[in-house]
């Protein structure tokens, strides 16, 4: 039984090294930043395309009313 406990303790020490923990935190940070950047850009691009379409509609309406 003590052999299994010692083996398990050695396995835990090998599995969870501090540098691996920092690497995992860095990975989670980059992943989270990428997610929120994508979320922001999707909203920004929709706003940008919607504004461009609205301006195009207003220009066509003004051109049409001017030619009449």
C-alpha atoms as a PDB file:
ATOM      1  CA  UNK A   1       0.000   0.000   0.000  1.00  0.00           C
ATOM      2  CA  UNK A   2       2.790   2.415   0.786  1.00  0.00           C
ATOM      3  CA  UNK A   3       4.313   1.640  -2.602  1.00  0.00           C
ATOM      4  CA  UNK A   4       1.095   2.769  -4.285  1.00  0.00           C
ATOM      5  CA  UNK A   5       0.932   5.952  -2.174  1.00  0.00           C
ATOM      6  CA  UNK A   6       4.576   6.807  -2.887  1.00  0.00           C
ATOM      7  CA  UNK A   7       4.105   6.094  -6.578  1.00  0.00           C
ATOM      8  CA  UNK A   8       0.975   8.278  -6.650  1.00  0.00           C
ATOM      9  CA  UNK A   9       2.812  11.129  -4.876  1.00  0.00           C
ATOM     10  CA  UNK A  10       5.666  10.951  -7.382  1.00  0.00           C
ATOM     11  CA  UNK A  11       3.144  10.969 -10.212  1.00  0.00           C
ATOM     12  CA  UNK A  12       1.458  14.089  -8.811  1.00  0.00           C
ATOM     13  CA  UNK A  13       4.798  15.839  -8.441  1.00  0.00           C
ATOM     14  CA  UNK A  14       5.716  15.016 -12.029  1.00  0.00           C
ATOM     15  CA  UNK A  15       2.275  15.891 -13.425  1.00  0.00           C
ATOM     16  CA  UNK A  16       1.860  19.306 -11.827  1.00  0.00           C
ATOM     17  CA  UNK A  17       5.123  21.159 -12.127  1.00  0.00           C
ATOM     18  CA  UNK A  18       5.010  24.896 -11.432  1.00  0.00           C
ATOM     19  CA  UNK A  19       6.133  25.806 -14.957  1.00  0.00           C
ATOM     20  CA  UNK A  20       3.333  23.688 -16.389  1.00  0.00           C
ATOM     21  CA  UNK A  21       0.886  25.514 -14.137  1.00  0.00           C
ATOM     22  CA  UNK A  22       2.163  28.870 -15.412  1.00  0.00           C
ATOM     23  CA  UNK A  23       1.928  27.630 -18.986  1.00  0.00           C
ATOM     24  CA  UNK A  24      -1.638  26.528 -18.404  1.00  0.00           C
ATOM     25  CA  UNK A  25      -2.519  29.930 -16.930  1.00  0.00           C
ATOM     26  CA  UNK A  26      -0.895  31.642 -19.907  1.00  0.00           C
ATOM     27  CA  UNK A  27      -2.894  29.449 -22.275  1.00  0.00           C
ATOM     28  CA  UNK A  28      -6.145  30.269 -20.471  1.00  0.00           C
ATOM     29  CA  UNK A  29      -5.318  33.985 -20.520  1.00  0.00           C
ATOM     30  CA  UNK A  30      -4.632  34.009 -24.261  1.00  0.00           C
ATOM     31  CA  UNK A  31      -7.735  31.922 -24.942  1.00  0.00           C
ATOM     32  CA  UNK A  32      -9.911  34.274 -22.891  1.00  0.00           C
ATOM     33  CA  UNK A  33      -8.454  37.374 -24.523  1.00  0.00           C
ATOM     34  CA  UNK A  34      -9.052  35.868 -27.956  1.00  0.00           C
ATOM     35  CA  UNK A  35     -12.642  35.037 -27.079  1.00  0.00           C
ATOM     36  CA  UNK A  36     -13.462  38.560 -25.904  1.00  0.00           C
ATOM     37  CA  UNK A  37     -11.632  40.129 -28.849  1.00  0.00           C
ATOM     38  CA  UNK A  38     -13.673  37.991 -31.245  1.00  0.00           C
ATOM     39  CA  UNK A  39     -16.859  38.941 -29.373  1.00  0.00           C
ATOM     40  CA  UNK A  40     -15.964  42.656 -29.636  1.00  0.00           C
ATOM     41  CA  UNK A  41     -14.998  42.459 -33.300  1.00  0.00           C
ATOM     42  CA  UNK A  42     -18.202  40.681 -34.279  1.00  0.00           C
ATOM     43  CA  UNK A  43     -20.228  43.463 -32.682  1.00  0.00           C
ATOM     44  CA  UNK A  44     -18.029  46.172 -34.177  1.00  0.00           C
ATOM     45  CA  UNK A  45     -18.159  44.737 -37.703  1.00  0.00           C
ATOM     46  CA  UNK A  46     -21.952  44.451 -37.561  1.00  0.00           C
ATOM     47  CA  UNK A  47     -22.183  48.080 -36.441  1.00  0.00           C
ATOM     48  CA  UNK A  48     -19.767  49.156 -39.195  1.00  0.00           C
ATOM     49  CA  UNK A  49     -21.596  47.276 -41.988  1.00  0.00           C
ATOM     50  CA  UNK A  50     -24.982  48.474 -40.740  1.00  0.00           C
ATOM     51  CA  UNK A  51     -23.797  52.091 -40.707  1.00  0.00           C
ATOM     52  CA  UNK A  52     -22.346  51.792 -44.201  1.00  0.00           C
ATOM     53  CA  UNK A  53     -25.592  50.328 -45.532  1.00  0.00           C
ATOM     54  CA  UNK A  54     -27.615  53.077 -43.820  1.00  0.00           C
ATOM     55  CA  UNK A  55     -25.399  55.808 -45.333  1.00  0.00           C
ATOM     56  CA  UNK A  56     -25.709  54.210 -48.784  1.00  0.00           C
ATOM     57  CA  UNK A  57     -29.503  54.160 -48.393  1.00  0.00           C
ATOM     58  CA  UNK A  58     -29.565  57.836 -47.400  1.00  0.00           C
ATOM     59  CA  UNK A  59     -27.342  58.814 -50.342  1.00  0.00           C
ATOM     60  CA  UNK A  60     -29.526  56.942 -52.826  1.00  0.00           C
ATOM     61  CA  UNK A  61     -32.651  58.513 -51.324  1.00  0.00           C
ATOM     62  CA  UNK A  62     -31.120  62.011 -51.536  1.00  0.00           C
ATOM     63  CA  UNK A  63     -29.967  61.395 -55.130  1.00  0.00           C
ATOM     64  CA  UNK A  64     -33.404  60.136 -56.102  1.00  0.00           C
ATOM     65  CA  UNK A  65     -35.187  63.116 -54.524  1.00  0.00           C
ATOM     66  CA  UNK A  66     -32.704  65.518 -56.115  1.00  0.00           C
ATOM     67  CA  UNK A  67     -33.269  64.115 -59.621  1.00  0.00           C
ATOM     68  CA  UNK A  68     -37.051  64.448 -59.312  1.00  0.00           C
END
